[in-house]
Amino acid sequence: MNYINISNPAGKVNLREAVLNSKNSNSGLYMPESIPVMPTSFFESLSKCSLQEIALEVSKKMLGGDISDKALEKIVREAFTFDIPLKQLDDDLFVLELFHGPTQAFKDVGARFLAGLFEYLVSNEKREITVLVATSGDTGSAIANAFHNRIGIRVVVLYPSGKVSEIQEKQLTTMGGNVTSLEIDGNFDDCQRLVKMAFSDEGLSSRFSLTSGNSINFGRLFPQSFYYHYAWSRLPSKRKPVVFSVPSGNFGNLTAGLVAVKMGLPVRHFIASTNSNHAVVDYLKTGNFNPAETKYTITNAMDVGNPSNFPRILSLYGKSHADVCSVVKGFWFTDMQTRKAMSELQAHFTYQADPHGAVGYLGLKKYMENEDCSGIFLETAHPAKFLDEVEKATGVRVIIPDQMKHLLEMEKRSVRLSSDYGNFKEFLSEHLG
């Protein structure tokens, strides 16, 4: 499989180059030159397959020309040691729980696959690779956990000071080893800007072999397509059209769903469910994409004013507004509506959702007012990650998983930096040098 830089399609690279030298949106996002289509027999037998079996078959189709089946089997086996249950709340209403991995967030899926892929690709490298990650919540902790003490790989995580939950921050700052956490005085866009500038700094980037662990990296985005196939396979009936509602911030999750559709998954629509950062929803309505300053909400993992993966969505549909809108619908919601949705899910379905899942529910509910379908919304993080908000909204105590309880007693270890690139570059040069 060849991979192209979507801002410079004439240049083609192989998988190794696309993953290890992944760059930011200023210099182009890598995508496969073409999306392979799964055979009809795959979908006919999908309900009998496990998550690991589905992941392996989809991986073989997408990556099989670059990685041996044996290597892929190892990556998949080690990555997916947890369940991703589809739960039915009502006749046509389902929730896909993506928080059963080690850091209790959907990012574990892509991060763990990417870590195995990196380890395979750098096994013959003579120098260390440095993974830079900007996070608005869950990405950094998933990458830190997945890459912790992997040989030949260093990780530097940037997160906005005061804008992640307590448990999220502890997950980001208690790993140690080959993981360094930087607490940035600014917002997520500032963190992402620093990472992009480092990638664009040729001297720094080549000196430390910088690469990305964000969904900028196709190697992390692609594995998220697995659970759309898996969720579809677990529906008790497929007589009605299937729709997914995706809580969306940087739009990697939704892009992965669109990749699954391009591979043949029969989904009618994806719903981009966002908070007050709704540039993509506005684009769907007007055809104009106008990124804006980030607004802070209780769904902090979705607080992204200029989503990096939006150009990928455009590339999948030839930059045609009409073609994008034929597959993607969009709605946005306020914090007040989100809190009300958490309360409604608890009262009507005895289901405790985190704020991000509640936004996904709201988008699906809005869509289903006028459409008859089987609807699945994604619950992307464990409610305990947003304990105060969930308990205030629902009036019900959140049970904290055992693997999270010990984090609250651990000491935070991070380096506080301004959002100035000069300070960031100086730190990397001293710390990594």
Protein backbone atom coordinates (compact mmCIF):
# COMPACT_ATOMS: atom_id res chain seq x y z
CA MET A 1 0.00 0.00 0.00
CA ASN A 2 1.26 3.46 -0.90
CA TYR A 3 0.43 6.44 1.31
CA ILE A 4 0.03 10.00 0.10
CA ASN A 5 0.40 13.35 1.75
CA ILE A 6 -3.06 14.81 1.19
CA SER A 7 -1.65 18.31 0.70
CA ASN A 8 0.87 16.95 -1.84
CA PRO A 9 -0.69 13.86 -3.47
CA ALA A 10 2.15 13.49 -5.95
CA GLY A 11 4.48 12.25 -3.21
CA LYS A 12 4.05 8.59 -2.22
CA VAL A 13 5.60 6.76 0.73
CA ASN A 14 5.38 3.30 2.26
CA LEU A 15 3.78 2.38 5.59
CA ARG A 16 7.00 2.76 7.56
CA GLU A 17 7.56 6.27 6.29
CA ALA A 18 3.92 7.26 6.82
CA VAL A 19 3.89 6.05 10.44
CA LEU A 20 7.37 6.90 11.70
CA ASN A 21 7.62 10.23 9.90
CA SER A 22 4.03 11.30 10.47
CA LYS A 23 3.76 15.07 10.33
CA ASN A 24 1.18 17.64 11.26
CA SER A 25 -1.55 19.18 9.16
CA ASN A 26 0.67 22.06 8.05
CA SER A 27 2.81 19.63 6.06
CA GLY A 28 0.08 17.16 5.23
CA LEU A 29 -1.69 14.17 6.69
CA TYR A 30 -0.96 10.72 5.30
CA MET A 31 -3.74 8.59 3.91
CA PRO A 32 -3.72 5.37 1.87
CA GLU A 33 -3.60 5.97 -1.86
CA SER A 34 -6.78 3.90 -2.03
CA ILE A 35 -9.03 2.28 0.58
CA PRO A 36 -9.30 -1.49 0.07
CA VAL A 37 -12.77 -3.03 0.14
CA MET A 38 -13.55 -6.05 2.32
CA PRO A 39 -15.22 -8.98 0.51
CA THR A 40 -18.93 -9.64 0.95
CA SER A 41 -18.12 -12.89 2.76
CA PHE A 42 -16.41 -10.89 5.51
CA PHE A 43 -19.62 -9.06 6.42
CA GLU A 44 -21.71 -12.21 6.08
CA SER A 45 -19.61 -13.95 8.75
CA LEU A 46 -18.92 -10.91 10.95
CA SER A 47 -21.37 -11.80 13.73
CA LYS A 48 -19.42 -14.99 14.40
CA CYS A 49 -16.06 -13.22 14.73
CA SER A 50 -14.39 -11.89 17.86
CA LEU A 51 -13.00 -8.36 18.10
CA GLN A 52 -9.49 -9.75 17.61
CA GLU A 53 -10.54 -11.74 14.54
CA ILE A 54 -12.22 -8.69 13.00
CA ALA A 55 -9.21 -6.48 13.76
CA LEU A 56 -6.86 -9.01 12.20
CA GLU A 57 -8.83 -9.41 8.98
CA VAL A 58 -9.27 -5.66 8.51
CA SER A 59 -5.56 -5.12 9.28
CA LYS A 60 -4.51 -7.76 6.76
CA LYS A 61 -6.57 -6.04 4.08
CA MET A 62 -5.17 -2.59 4.85
CA LEU A 63 -1.60 -3.40 5.95
CA GLY A 64 -0.98 -6.96 4.78
CA GLY A 65 1.38 -6.00 1.99
CA ASP A 66 3.71 -4.27 4.45
CA ILE A 67 3.56 -6.50 7.54
CA SER A 68 3.51 -10.26 7.83
CA ASP A 69 0.39 -12.00 9.11
CA LYS A 70 2.41 -13.31 12.06
CA ALA A 71 3.48 -9.80 13.08
CA LEU A 72 -0.07 -8.49 12.72
CA GLU A 73 -1.41 -11.35 14.84
CA LYS A 74 1.03 -10.41 17.61
CA ILE A 75 0.10 -6.72 17.46
CA VAL A 76 -3.64 -7.47 17.54
CA ARG A 77 -3.36 -10.12 20.26
CA GLU A 78 -1.40 -7.83 22.59
CA ALA A 79 -3.47 -4.72 21.84
CA PHE A 80 -6.99 -6.04 22.35
CA THR A 81 -7.10 -7.72 25.73
CA PHE A 82 -10.39 -6.03 26.72
CA ASP A 83 -14.01 -6.06 25.60
CA ILE A 84 -15.91 -3.38 23.68
CA PRO A 85 -19.52 -4.23 24.56
CA LEU A 86 -22.55 -3.01 22.63
CA LYS A 87 -25.41 -2.41 25.08
CA GLN A 88 -29.06 -2.02 24.15
CA LEU A 89 -30.94 0.79 25.91
CA ASP A 90 -34.18 0.75 23.91
CA ASP A 91 -35.66 -0.95 20.84
CA ASP A 92 -33.42 0.89 18.37
CA LEU A 93 -31.04 2.66 20.74
CA PHE A 94 -27.59 1.24 21.51
CA VAL A 95 -24.42 2.43 23.18
CA LEU A 96 -20.93 1.18 22.32
CA GLU A 97 -18.74 1.23 25.43
CA LEU A 98 -15.18 2.06 24.47
CA PHE A 99 -13.81 2.62 27.97
CA HIS A 100 -12.84 -0.88 29.08
CA GLY A 101 -9.15 -0.57 28.18
CA PRO A 102 -6.35 0.21 30.66
CA THR A 103 -6.92 4.00 30.70
CA GLN A 104 -10.73 3.78 30.45
CA ALA A 105 -11.04 5.70 27.17
CA PHE A 106 -11.55 4.87 23.51
CA LYS A 107 -8.04 6.11 22.74
CA ASP A 108 -6.68 2.83 24.15
CA VAL A 109 -7.77 1.05 20.97
CA GLY A 110 -5.67 3.11 18.58
CA ALA A 111 -2.81 3.74 21.02
CA ARG A 112 -2.18 0.09 21.82
CA PHE A 113 -2.26 -0.94 18.17
CA LEU A 114 0.06 1.95 17.28
CA ALA A 115 2.52 1.00 20.04
CA GLY A 116 2.79 -2.53 18.69
CA LEU A 117 3.15 -1.20 15.15
CA PHE A 118 5.90 1.21 16.24
CA GLU A 119 7.76 -1.52 18.09
CA TYR A 120 7.69 -3.66 14.94
CA LEU A 121 8.82 -0.80 12.68
CA VAL A 122 11.67 0.45 14.92
CA SER A 123 13.05 -2.98 15.84
CA ASN A 124 16.05 -2.41 13.55
CA GLU A 125 16.51 1.30 14.29
CA LYS A 126 19.87 2.35 15.76
CA ARG A 127 18.52 5.44 17.51
CA GLU A 128 15.48 6.21 19.62
CA ILE A 129 12.23 7.52 18.17
CA THR A 130 10.50 10.36 20.04
CA VAL A 131 6.70 10.40 20.03
CA LEU A 132 5.20 13.87 20.59
CA VAL A 133 1.57 13.98 21.72
CA ALA A 134 -0.73 16.94 22.29
CA THR A 135 -3.75 15.95 24.36
CA SER A 136 -7.03 17.54 25.41
CA GLY A 137 -7.72 14.71 27.80
CA ASP A 138 -7.53 11.04 26.95
CA THR A 139 -5.04 10.73 24.09
CA GLY A 140 -1.97 11.44 26.20
CA SER A 141 -2.77 8.93 28.92
CA ALA A 142 -3.56 6.23 26.36
CA ILE A 143 -0.30 6.85 24.49
CA ALA A 144 1.70 7.05 27.74
CA ASN A 145 0.27 3.73 28.91
CA ALA A 146 0.60 1.96 25.56
CA PHE A 147 4.19 3.10 24.95
CA HIS A 148 5.39 2.88 28.55
CA ASN A 149 8.91 1.39 28.64
CA ARG A 150 8.80 0.27 25.01
CA ILE A 151 12.36 -0.24 23.82
CA GLY A 152 13.72 2.42 21.47
CA ILE A 153 10.83 4.85 21.99
CA ARG A 154 10.51 8.01 24.08
CA VAL A 155 7.21 9.82 24.69
CA VAL A 156 6.59 13.50 25.42
CA VAL A 157 3.00 14.46 26.27
CA LEU A 158 1.75 18.06 26.22
CA TYR A 159 -1.51 18.90 28.02
CA PRO A 160 -3.24 22.22 28.85
CA SER A 161 -2.81 23.22 32.49
CA GLY A 162 -6.07 23.20 34.46
CA LYS A 163 -8.14 21.95 31.54
CA VAL A 164 -8.18 18.20 32.12
CA SER A 165 -9.92 16.31 34.93
CA GLU A 166 -8.04 15.22 38.05
CA ILE A 167 -8.00 11.56 37.07
CA GLN A 168 -6.97 12.40 33.51
CA GLU A 169 -4.07 14.47 34.83
CA LYS A 170 -2.93 11.68 37.14
CA GLN A 171 -2.99 9.25 34.23
CA LEU A 172 -0.88 11.71 32.24
CA THR A 173 1.69 12.44 34.93
CA THR A 174 2.36 9.26 36.89
CA MET A 175 3.91 6.92 34.32
CA GLY A 176 7.57 7.95 34.53
CA GLY A 177 10.16 5.83 32.75
CA ASN A 178 10.34 6.81 29.09
CA VAL A 179 7.31 9.14 29.42
CA THR A 180 7.68 12.89 30.08
CA SER A 181 4.60 15.04 30.78
CA LEU A 182 4.59 18.77 29.98
CA GLU A 183 1.91 20.96 31.57
CA ILE A 184 1.42 23.87 29.17
CA ASP A 185 0.08 27.28 30.19
CA GLY A 186 -2.56 27.50 27.48
CA ASN A 187 -5.26 25.46 25.76
CA PHE A 188 -5.22 22.34 23.60
CA ASP A 189 -4.68 24.37 20.45
CA ASP A 190 -1.53 25.80 22.04
CA CYS A 191 -0.29 22.28 22.79
CA GLN A 192 -1.07 21.17 19.26
CA ARG A 193 0.63 24.27 17.84
CA LEU A 194 3.84 23.50 19.75
CA VAL A 195 3.85 19.93 18.45
CA LYS A 196 3.25 21.11 14.88
CA MET A 197 6.05 23.67 15.13
CA ALA A 198 8.44 21.01 16.41
CA PHE A 199 7.57 18.77 13.47
CA SER A 200 8.13 21.66 11.08
CA ASP A 201 11.50 22.44 12.68
CA GLU A 202 13.65 20.27 10.41
CA GLY A 203 16.74 20.43 12.61
CA LEU A 204 14.88 19.45 15.77
CA SER A 205 12.67 16.88 14.06
CA SER A 206 15.53 15.02 12.40
CA ARG A 207 17.83 15.28 15.44
CA PHE A 208 15.37 13.49 17.71
CA SER A 209 13.44 11.44 15.11
CA LEU A 210 10.15 13.10 16.04
CA THR A 211 6.86 11.48 15.15
CA SER A 212 3.23 11.77 16.21
CA GLY A 213 1.06 9.68 18.51
CA ASN A 214 -2.03 11.79 17.88
CA SER A 215 -4.66 10.81 15.35
CA ILE A 216 -2.50 12.83 12.94
CA ASN A 217 -0.76 9.46 12.64
CA PHE A 218 -2.72 7.10 10.40
CA GLY A 219 -1.29 4.18 12.37
CA ARG A 220 -3.28 5.33 15.38
CA LEU A 221 -6.39 6.45 13.54
CA PHE A 222 -6.91 3.35 11.39
CA PRO A 223 -7.38 0.81 14.26
CA GLN A 224 -10.39 2.79 15.46
CA SER A 225 -12.20 1.50 12.39
CA PHE A 226 -12.24 -1.98 13.96
CA TYR A 227 -14.92 -1.23 16.52
CA TYR A 228 -17.37 0.10 13.96
CA HIS A 229 -17.24 -3.29 12.20
CA TYR A 230 -17.51 -5.00 15.59
CA ALA A 231 -20.49 -2.90 16.78
CA TRP A 232 -22.36 -3.45 13.52
CA SER A 233 -21.80 -7.19 13.85
CA ARG A 234 -23.33 -7.23 17.36
CA LEU A 235 -26.63 -5.59 16.44
CA PRO A 236 -29.47 -8.08 17.05
CA SER A 237 -31.15 -7.01 13.80
CA LYS A 238 -29.96 -5.17 10.72
CA ARG A 239 -33.35 -4.69 9.10
CA LYS A 240 -33.17 -0.95 9.66
CA PRO A 241 -30.42 1.37 8.42
CA VAL A 242 -27.54 1.71 10.88
CA VAL A 243 -26.36 5.08 12.15
CA PHE A 244 -23.42 5.97 14.44
CA SER A 245 -23.27 9.11 16.55
CA VAL A 246 -19.68 10.07 17.33
CA PRO A 247 -18.67 12.61 20.01
CA SER A 248 -16.23 14.65 17.94
CA GLY A 249 -13.31 16.94 18.79
CA ASN A 250 -10.28 16.37 16.58
CA PHE A 251 -12.40 14.13 14.29
CA GLY A 252 -10.06 11.14 14.20
CA ASN A 253 -12.77 8.86 15.56
CA LEU A 254 -15.30 9.86 12.93
CA THR A 255 -12.68 9.67 10.17
CA ALA A 256 -11.95 6.08 11.19
CA GLY A 257 -15.65 5.31 10.85
CA LEU A 258 -15.65 6.76 7.34
CA VAL A 259 -12.65 4.56 6.50
CA ALA A 260 -14.74 1.57 7.65
CA VAL A 261 -17.54 2.68 5.31
CA LYS A 262 -15.08 2.99 2.44
CA MET A 263 -14.03 -0.59 3.23
CA GLY A 264 -17.64 -1.68 2.75
CA LEU A 265 -19.34 -1.37 6.14
CA PRO A 266 -23.04 -0.69 5.46
CA VAL A 267 -23.72 2.45 7.52
CA ARG A 268 -26.26 5.05 6.39
CA HIS A 269 -24.91 8.06 8.27
CA PHE A 270 -22.36 9.19 10.80
CA ILE A 271 -23.43 11.97 13.13
CA ALA A 272 -20.76 14.46 14.14
CA SER A 273 -21.93 15.36 17.64
CA THR A 274 -19.97 18.30 19.00
CA ASN A 275 -19.96 20.85 21.80
CA SER A 276 -19.62 24.62 21.41
CA ASN A 277 -16.59 24.05 19.18
CA HIS A 278 -18.67 23.43 16.08
CA ALA A 279 -16.69 24.52 13.03
CA VAL A 280 -17.32 21.20 11.24
CA VAL A 281 -21.06 21.26 12.01
CA ASP A 282 -21.15 24.76 10.54
CA TYR A 283 -19.33 23.48 7.44
CA LEU A 284 -21.95 20.78 6.96
CA LYS A 285 -24.65 23.44 6.99
CA THR A 286 -22.94 26.13 4.92
CA GLY A 287 -20.10 24.54 2.96
CA ASN A 288 -17.64 26.95 4.59
CA PHE A 289 -15.02 25.78 7.08
CA ASN A 290 -14.01 28.52 9.50
CA PRO A 291 -11.87 27.32 12.41
CA ALA A 292 -12.33 29.33 15.59
CA GLU A 293 -10.70 29.91 18.94
CA THR A 294 -11.25 26.98 21.30
CA LYS A 295 -14.14 27.33 23.74
CA TYR A 296 -13.88 25.49 27.05
CA THR A 297 -16.64 23.06 27.98
CA ILE A 298 -17.32 20.15 30.31
CA THR A 299 -16.51 17.86 27.35
CA ASN A 300 -12.87 18.88 27.38
CA ALA A 301 -11.63 16.09 25.09
CA MET A 302 -13.75 17.72 22.36
CA ASP A 303 -12.51 21.27 22.93
CA VAL A 304 -10.80 21.68 19.57
CA GLY A 305 -11.30 24.84 17.53
CA ASN A 306 -9.46 23.63 14.42
CA PRO A 307 -9.77 19.83 14.05
CA SER A 308 -6.67 18.29 12.49
CA ASN A 309 -8.51 15.42 10.83
CA PHE A 310 -11.10 17.46 8.98
CA PRO A 311 -8.88 17.65 5.85
CA ARG A 312 -8.82 13.84 5.85
CA ILE A 313 -12.61 13.76 5.72
CA LEU A 314 -12.56 16.14 2.79
CA SER A 315 -9.94 14.03 1.02
CA LEU A 316 -12.06 10.89 1.39
CA TYR A 317 -14.87 12.62 -0.51
CA GLY A 318 -12.92 14.61 -3.08
CA LYS A 319 -13.49 17.85 -1.17
CA SER A 320 -17.11 17.73 -2.25
CA HIS A 321 -19.44 19.31 0.31
CA ALA A 322 -22.41 17.41 -1.15
CA ASP A 323 -20.59 14.07 -0.93
CA VAL A 324 -19.49 14.68 2.66
CA CYS A 325 -23.04 15.65 3.63
CA SER A 326 -24.40 12.50 2.02
CA VAL A 327 -22.67 10.50 4.76
CA VAL A 328 -22.07 12.90 7.66
CA LYS A 329 -24.70 14.85 9.58
CA GLY A 330 -23.87 17.22 12.41
CA PHE A 331 -25.31 18.78 15.56
CA TRP A 332 -23.80 20.71 18.45
CA PHE A 333 -24.89 21.12 22.05
CA THR A 334 -24.27 23.33 25.06
CA ASP A 335 -23.01 22.29 28.49
CA MET A 336 -26.51 22.76 29.88
CA GLN A 337 -27.94 20.38 27.27
CA THR A 338 -25.14 17.90 27.99
CA ARG A 339 -25.88 17.89 31.72
CA LYS A 340 -29.57 17.40 31.01
CA ALA A 341 -28.73 14.46 28.71
CA MET A 342 -26.69 12.74 31.43
CA SER A 343 -29.66 13.12 33.75
CA GLU A 344 -32.06 11.81 31.09
CA LEU A 345 -29.94 8.74 30.33
CA GLN A 346 -29.84 7.90 34.04
CA ALA A 347 -33.55 8.50 34.62
CA HIS A 348 -34.93 6.85 31.46
CA PHE A 349 -32.45 4.02 30.88
CA THR A 350 -30.59 3.67 34.19
CA TYR A 351 -27.46 4.37 32.20
CA GLN A 352 -24.64 6.48 33.58
CA ALA A 353 -22.81 8.25 30.75
CA ASP A 354 -19.87 10.60 30.82
CA PRO A 355 -20.37 14.08 29.26
CA HIS A 356 -18.86 13.03 25.91
CA GLY A 357 -21.14 10.03 25.60
CA ALA A 358 -24.07 12.28 26.54
CA VAL A 359 -23.24 14.54 23.57
CA GLY A 360 -23.19 11.45 21.35
CA TYR A 361 -26.61 10.50 22.71
CA LEU A 362 -27.97 13.98 22.03
CA GLY A 363 -26.81 13.88 18.43
CA LEU A 364 -28.41 10.50 17.87
CA LYS A 365 -31.62 11.55 19.58
CA LYS A 366 -31.84 14.63 17.37
CA TYR A 367 -31.24 12.57 14.24
CA MET A 368 -33.80 9.91 15.20
CA GLU A 369 -36.55 12.50 15.54
CA ASN A 370 -36.94 12.30 11.75
CA GLU A 371 -35.31 8.99 10.82
CA ASP A 372 -36.20 5.36 11.47
CA CYS A 373 -32.96 3.53 12.13
CA SER A 374 -30.86 1.45 14.49
CA GLY A 375 -28.76 4.04 16.26
CA ILE A 376 -25.47 3.55 18.10
CA PHE A 377 -23.82 6.31 20.09
CA LEU A 378 -20.25 6.02 21.33
CA GLU A 379 -19.46 6.20 25.04
CA THR A 380 -15.83 7.20 24.81
CA ALA A 381 -14.70 7.52 28.44
CA HIS A 382 -15.57 6.02 31.81
CA PRO A 383 -17.88 8.29 33.87
CA ALA A 384 -15.31 8.26 36.69
CA LYS A 385 -13.05 10.45 34.56
CA PHE A 386 -15.66 13.19 34.98
CA LEU A 387 -16.88 12.19 38.40
CA ASP A 388 -18.09 15.56 39.70
CA GLU A 389 -20.01 16.47 36.55
CA VAL A 390 -21.64 13.05 36.27
CA GLU A 391 -22.65 12.86 39.92
CA LYS A 392 -24.08 16.40 39.91
CA ALA A 393 -26.07 15.72 36.74
CA THR A 394 -27.40 12.29 37.67
CA GLY A 395 -27.56 12.36 41.45
CA VAL A 396 -26.04 8.89 41.40
CA ARG A 397 -22.64 7.96 42.80
CA VAL A 398 -20.01 6.97 40.25
CA ILE A 399 -18.20 3.74 40.99
CA ILE A 400 -14.49 4.27 40.38
CA PRO A 401 -12.78 1.24 38.78
CA ASP A 402 -10.07 -0.36 40.89
CA GLN A 403 -7.38 0.42 38.31
CA MET A 404 -8.17 4.13 38.66
CA LYS A 405 -8.41 4.41 42.43
CA HIS A 406 -4.70 4.08 43.08
CA LEU A 407 -3.93 6.94 40.67
CA LEU A 408 -5.52 9.50 42.99
CA GLU A 409 -2.94 8.64 45.66
CA MET A 410 0.05 8.88 43.32
CA GLU A 411 2.30 11.90 43.01
CA LYS A 412 1.91 14.10 39.95
CA ARG A 413 5.16 14.46 37.99
CA SER A 414 5.11 17.05 35.25
CA VAL A 415 7.13 20.01 33.95
CA ARG A 416 5.31 23.34 33.71
CA LEU A 417 6.07 25.31 30.55
CA SER A 418 4.72 28.41 28.87
CA SER A 419 3.15 28.16 25.42
CA ASP A 420 6.20 29.83 23.88
CA TYR A 421 7.84 27.64 21.24
CA GLY A 422 11.33 28.81 22.18
CA ASN A 423 10.92 27.47 25.72
CA PHE A 424 9.50 24.22 24.41
CA LYS A 425 12.34 23.74 21.93
CA GLU A 426 14.92 24.51 24.61
CA PHE A 427 13.38 21.91 26.91
CA LEU A 428 13.37 19.22 24.21
CA SER A 429 16.98 19.97 23.28
CA GLU A 430 18.14 19.70 26.89
CA HIS A 431 15.90 16.81 27.95
CA LEU A 432 16.25 14.63 24.87
CA GLY A 433 19.83 15.57 24.06
